[in-house]
C-alpha atoms as a PDB file:
ATOM      1  CA  MET A   1       7.525   3.782 -33.261  1.00  0.00           C
ATOM      2  CA  ALA A   2      10.140   3.835 -35.987  1.00  0.00           C
ATOM      3  CA  GLY A   3       8.934   6.764 -38.085  1.00  0.00           C
ATOM      4  CA  LEU A   4       6.178   9.333 -38.448  1.00  0.00           C
ATOM      5  CA  VAL A   5       3.795  10.206 -41.276  1.00  0.00           C
ATOM      6  CA  TYR A   6       2.135  13.594 -40.903  1.00  0.00           C
ATOM      7  CA  LEU A   7      -1.110  13.909 -42.841  1.00  0.00           C
ATOM      8  CA  SER A   8      -2.319  17.513 -43.101  1.00  0.00           C
ATOM      9  CA  ALA A   9      -0.818  17.913 -39.654  1.00  0.00           C
ATOM     10  CA  LEU A  10       1.161  20.348 -37.561  1.00  0.00           C
ATOM     11  CA  ALA A  11       4.463  19.455 -35.904  1.00  0.00           C
ATOM     12  CA  PRO A  12       5.117  21.618 -32.861  1.00  0.00           C
ATOM     13  CA  ASP A  13       8.459  21.422 -31.076  1.00  0.00           C
ATOM     14  CA  VAL A  14       9.087  20.911 -27.366  1.00  0.00           C
ATOM     15  CA  GLY A  15       7.582  23.832 -25.445  1.00  0.00           C
ATOM     16  CA  GLU A  16       5.307  24.825 -28.316  1.00  0.00           C
ATOM     17  CA  SER A  17       1.585  24.192 -28.538  1.00  0.00           C
ATOM     18  CA  THR A  18      -0.476  23.353 -31.578  1.00  0.00           C
ATOM     19  CA  GLY A  19      -2.129  26.753 -31.247  1.00  0.00           C
ATOM     20  CA  ASP A  20       1.283  28.489 -31.351  1.00  0.00           C
ATOM     21  CA  GLN A  21       1.734  27.196 -34.883  1.00  0.00           C
ATOM     22  CA  PHE A  22      -1.024  29.482 -36.137  1.00  0.00           C
ATOM     23  CA  ALA A  23       0.613  32.692 -34.836  1.00  0.00           C
ATOM     24  CA  GLU A  24       2.083  33.787 -38.173  1.00  0.00           C
ATOM     25  CA  THR A  25      -0.173  31.808 -40.516  1.00  0.00           C
ATOM     26  CA  PRO A  26      -3.692  31.579 -39.108  1.00  0.00           C
ATOM     27  CA  ALA A  27      -6.262  29.035 -40.210  1.00  0.00           C
ATOM     28  CA  PRO A  28      -8.064  30.021 -43.409  1.00  0.00           C
ATOM     29  CA  PRO A  29     -11.281  32.010 -42.831  1.00  0.00           C
ATOM     30  CA  GLU A  30     -13.359  29.090 -44.136  1.00  0.00           C
ATOM     31  CA  PHE A  31     -12.371  26.993 -41.111  1.00  0.00           C
ATOM     32  CA  VAL A  32     -14.258  27.999 -37.986  1.00  0.00           C
ATOM     33  CA  ILE A  33     -14.426  26.103 -34.713  1.00  0.00           C
ATOM     34  CA  GLU A  34     -17.239  27.306 -32.482  1.00  0.00           C
ATOM     35  CA  THR A  35     -16.428  26.871 -28.811  1.00  0.00           C
ATOM     36  CA  GLY A  36     -19.135  26.332 -26.221  1.00  0.00           C
ATOM     37  CA  PRO A  37     -19.100  27.521 -22.604  1.00  0.00           C
ATOM     38  CA  ASP A  38     -17.782  24.074 -21.582  1.00  0.00           C
ATOM     39  CA  GLY A  39     -14.534  24.642 -23.531  1.00  0.00           C
ATOM     40  CA  PHE A  40     -15.368  22.120 -26.249  1.00  0.00           C
ATOM     41  CA  GLY A  41     -15.827  23.061 -29.881  1.00  0.00           C
ATOM     42  CA  PHE A  42     -17.292  21.855 -33.145  1.00  0.00           C
ATOM     43  CA  VAL A  43     -16.407  22.824 -36.696  1.00  0.00           C
ATOM     44  CA  ASN A  44     -19.046  25.285 -37.908  1.00  0.00           C
ATOM     45  CA  MET A  45     -21.883  23.327 -39.506  1.00  0.00           C
ATOM     46  CA  GLU A  46     -22.513  25.765 -42.377  1.00  0.00           C
ATOM     47  CA  LEU A  47     -18.825  26.071 -43.308  1.00  0.00           C
ATOM     48  CA  PHE A  48     -17.898  22.450 -42.644  1.00  0.00           C
ATOM     49  CA  LYS A  49     -17.655  21.265 -46.241  1.00  0.00           C
ATOM     50  CA  VAL A  50     -15.754  24.243 -47.629  1.00  0.00           C
ATOM     51  CA  GLY A  51     -13.514  24.552 -44.559  1.00  0.00           C
ATOM     52  CA  PHE A  52     -12.772  20.894 -43.899  1.00  0.00           C
ATOM     53  CA  ALA A  53     -13.803  18.559 -46.701  1.00  0.00           C
ATOM     54  CA  GLY A  54     -14.222  20.597 -49.878  1.00  0.00           C
ATOM     55  CA  ASP A  55     -13.435  17.735 -52.237  1.00  0.00           C
ATOM     56  CA  LEU A  56     -15.898  15.246 -50.750  1.00  0.00           C
ATOM     57  CA  THR A  57     -19.401  14.719 -52.054  1.00  0.00           C
ATOM     58  CA  ASP A  58     -22.116  16.644 -50.250  1.00  0.00           C
ATOM     59  CA  VAL A  59     -23.339  13.371 -48.706  1.00  0.00           C
ATOM     60  CA  ASP A  60     -19.914  12.356 -47.398  1.00  0.00           C
ATOM     61  CA  ALA A  61     -19.146  15.851 -46.095  1.00  0.00           C
ATOM     62  CA  ALA A  62     -22.532  15.928 -44.337  1.00  0.00           C
ATOM     63  CA  PHE A  63     -21.791  12.575 -42.715  1.00  0.00           C
ATOM     64  CA  LEU A  64     -18.481  13.896 -41.348  1.00  0.00           C
ATOM     65  CA  ARG A  65     -20.120  17.147 -40.255  1.00  0.00           C
ATOM     66  CA  ASP A  66     -22.944  15.377 -38.450  1.00  0.00           C
ATOM     67  CA  SER A  67     -20.691  12.806 -36.779  1.00  0.00           C
ATOM     68  CA  GLN A  68     -18.223  15.273 -35.273  1.00  0.00           C
ATOM     69  CA  VAL A  69     -17.074  14.651 -31.737  1.00  0.00           C
ATOM     70  CA  PRO A  70     -16.379  17.590 -29.412  1.00  0.00           C
ATOM     71  CA  ILE A  71     -12.878  19.060 -29.600  1.00  0.00           C
ATOM     72  CA  ASN A  72     -11.307  19.898 -26.246  1.00  0.00           C
ATOM     73  CA  MET A  73     -10.088  23.382 -27.126  1.00  0.00           C
ATOM     74  CA  ALA A  74      -7.596  23.418 -24.230  1.00  0.00           C
ATOM     75  CA  ILE A  75      -5.449  20.970 -26.188  1.00  0.00           C
ATOM     76  CA  PHE A  76      -4.472  23.754 -28.603  1.00  0.00           C
ATOM     77  CA  GLY A  77      -2.751  25.586 -25.741  1.00  0.00           C
ATOM     78  CA  THR A  78      -0.926  22.602 -24.241  1.00  0.00           C
ATOM     79  CA  PRO A  79       2.842  22.745 -24.846  1.00  0.00           C
ATOM     80  CA  LEU A  80       4.566  19.587 -26.039  1.00  0.00           C
ATOM     81  CA  LEU A  81       6.850  17.809 -23.609  1.00  0.00           C
ATOM     82  CA  GLN A  82       8.438  15.733 -26.375  1.00  0.00           C
ATOM     83  CA  ALA A  83       8.641  16.050 -30.144  1.00  0.00           C
ATOM     84  CA  ALA A  84       9.055  12.612 -31.714  1.00  0.00           C
ATOM     85  CA  TRP A  85      10.144  14.139 -35.026  1.00  0.00           C
ATOM     86  CA  ARG A  86      13.384  15.181 -33.322  1.00  0.00           C
ATOM     87  CA  THR A  87      14.491  11.526 -33.167  1.00  0.00           C
ATOM     88  CA  LYS A  88      12.377   9.737 -35.791  1.00  0.00           C
ATOM     89  CA  PRO A  89      12.388  10.012 -39.581  1.00  0.00           C
ATOM     90  CA  SER A  90       9.320  11.821 -40.865  1.00  0.00           C
ATOM     91  CA  TRP A  91       7.153  12.013 -43.955  1.00  0.00           C
ATOM     92  CA  ALA A  92       4.497  14.628 -44.594  1.00  0.00           C
ATOM     93  CA  ILE A  93       1.526  14.789 -46.913  1.00  0.00           C
ATOM     94  CA  VAL A  94       0.629  18.401 -47.652  1.00  0.00           C
ATOM     95  CA  ALA A  95      -2.896  18.885 -48.974  1.00  0.00           C
ATOM     96  CA  THR A  96      -2.642  21.866 -51.313  1.00  0.00           C
ATOM     97  CA  GLN A  97      -6.377  22.639 -51.095  1.00  0.00           C
ATOM     98  CA  ASP A  98      -6.541  22.375 -47.289  1.00  0.00           C
ATOM     99  CA  ARG A  99      -8.852  25.027 -45.827  1.00  0.00           C
ATOM    100  CA  ALA A 100      -8.459  23.911 -42.199  1.00  0.00           C
ATOM    101  CA  ILE A 101      -4.685  24.488 -42.073  1.00  0.00           C
ATOM    102  CA  ASP A 102      -3.103  26.826 -44.613  1.00  0.00           C
ATOM    103  CA  PRO A 103      -1.004  24.699 -47.010  1.00  0.00           C
ATOM    104  CA  ARG A 104       1.860  27.202 -46.624  1.00  0.00           C
ATOM    105  CA  LEU A 105       1.932  26.411 -42.902  1.00  0.00           C
ATOM    106  CA  LEU A 106       1.768  22.666 -43.563  1.00  0.00           C
ATOM    107  CA  ARG A 107       4.694  22.947 -45.986  1.00  0.00           C
ATOM    108  CA  GLN A 108       6.695  25.121 -43.563  1.00  0.00           C
ATOM    109  CA  GLN A 109       6.124  22.646 -40.741  1.00  0.00           C
ATOM    110  CA  ALA A 110       7.154  19.702 -42.927  1.00  0.00           C
ATOM    111  CA  GLU A 111      10.314  21.495 -44.047  1.00  0.00           C
ATOM    112  CA  ARG A 112      11.169  22.476 -40.482  1.00  0.00           C
ATOM    113  CA  ILE A 113      11.130  18.861 -39.320  1.00  0.00           C
ATOM    114  CA  GLY A 114      13.045  17.617 -42.343  1.00  0.00           C
ATOM    115  CA  ALA A 115      10.180  15.449 -43.573  1.00  0.00           C
ATOM    116  CA  ASP A 116      10.059  13.780 -46.961  1.00  0.00           C
ATOM    117  CA  ILE A 117       7.199  15.843 -48.449  1.00  0.00           C
ATOM    118  CA  THR A 118       4.452  14.680 -50.799  1.00  0.00           C
ATOM    119  CA  GLU A 119       1.979  17.269 -52.029  1.00  0.00           C
ATOM    120  CA  VAL A 120      -1.521  16.262 -53.073  1.00  0.00           C
ATOM    121  CA  GLU A 121      -4.373  18.307 -54.477  1.00  0.00           C
ATOM    122  CA  ALA A 122      -6.886  17.612 -51.730  1.00  0.00           C
ATOM    123  CA  SER A 123      -8.768  19.156 -48.827  1.00  0.00           C
ATOM    124  CA  HIS A 124      -7.979  18.441 -45.165  1.00  0.00           C
ATOM    125  CA  VAL A 125      -9.106  14.820 -45.607  1.00  0.00           C
ATOM    126  CA  PRO A 126      -6.809  13.260 -48.235  1.00  0.00           C
ATOM    127  CA  PHE A 127      -7.114   9.917 -46.451  1.00  0.00           C
ATOM    128  CA  LEU A 128     -10.690   9.891 -47.785  1.00  0.00           C
ATOM    129  CA  THR A 129     -10.182  11.496 -51.185  1.00  0.00           C
ATOM    130  CA  GLN A 130      -6.688  10.220 -52.056  1.00  0.00           C
ATOM    131  CA  PRO A 131      -6.422   6.962 -50.064  1.00  0.00           C
ATOM    132  CA  LEU A 132      -4.026   5.231 -52.474  1.00  0.00           C
ATOM    133  CA  LEU A 133      -1.567   8.094 -52.347  1.00  0.00           C
ATOM    134  CA  VAL A 134      -1.747   8.162 -48.552  1.00  0.00           C
ATOM    135  CA  ALA A 135      -1.247   4.389 -48.411  1.00  0.00           C
ATOM    136  CA  ASP A 136       1.729   4.659 -50.787  1.00  0.00           C
ATOM    137  CA  VAL A 137       3.409   7.273 -48.571  1.00  0.00           C
ATOM    138  CA  ILE A 138       2.837   5.147 -45.457  1.00  0.00           C
ATOM    139  CA  ASP A 139       4.167   2.090 -47.296  1.00  0.00           C
ATOM    140  CA  ALA A 140       7.263   3.965 -48.489  1.00  0.00           C
ATOM    141  CA  ALA A 141       7.884   5.214 -44.926  1.00  0.00           C
ATOM    142  CA  ALA A 142       7.530   1.685 -43.523  1.00  0.00           C
ATOM    143  CA  GLN A 143       9.888   0.267 -46.142  1.00  0.00           C
ATOM    144  CA  SER A 144      12.421   3.015 -45.478  1.00  0.00           C
ATOM    145  CA  VAL A 145      12.521   2.414 -41.717  1.00  0.00           C
ATOM    146  CA  SER A 146      12.646  -1.361 -42.332  1.00  0.00           C
ATOM    147  CA  ARG A 147      15.681  -0.950 -44.590  1.00  0.00           C
ATOM    148  CA  ALA A 148      17.326   1.359 -42.048  1.00  0.00           C
ATOM    149  CA  ALA A 149      16.719  -1.147 -39.234  1.00  0.00           C
ATOM    150  CA  ALA A 150      18.195  -3.968 -41.317  1.00  0.00           C
ATOM    151  CA  HIS A 151      21.498  -2.141 -41.746  1.00  0.00           C
END
């Protein structure tokens, strides 16, 4: 792995968990994960579109909602043993209309890791709604690490 592209993603440091990242900036109220007694959760069915995929068509959002896989909620409390961003160049795509992770938190995380930041007006799924922009960022990252490796 030569570099990292974060797409509407958190970037915890060593010893931090993903859940720790929400301490000061919680998830927006539109994003609700309902956890079952088995410790696995699903994004709330009624709030799915507004909280996760607000810029998709109703049909596409319903497909994502209905094809969810269970989320092991314990993962949000697991501290990182390594943080690749400490040794790899990073890029971040911040979705300014994200309702799963507050865009302020996404921006703060990207700045903290020194990522090259691209903002896009999109929900939590810009890879579906803005695929060319996402591909361009990945391409630029790949070209950058290729140039760096050549020198």
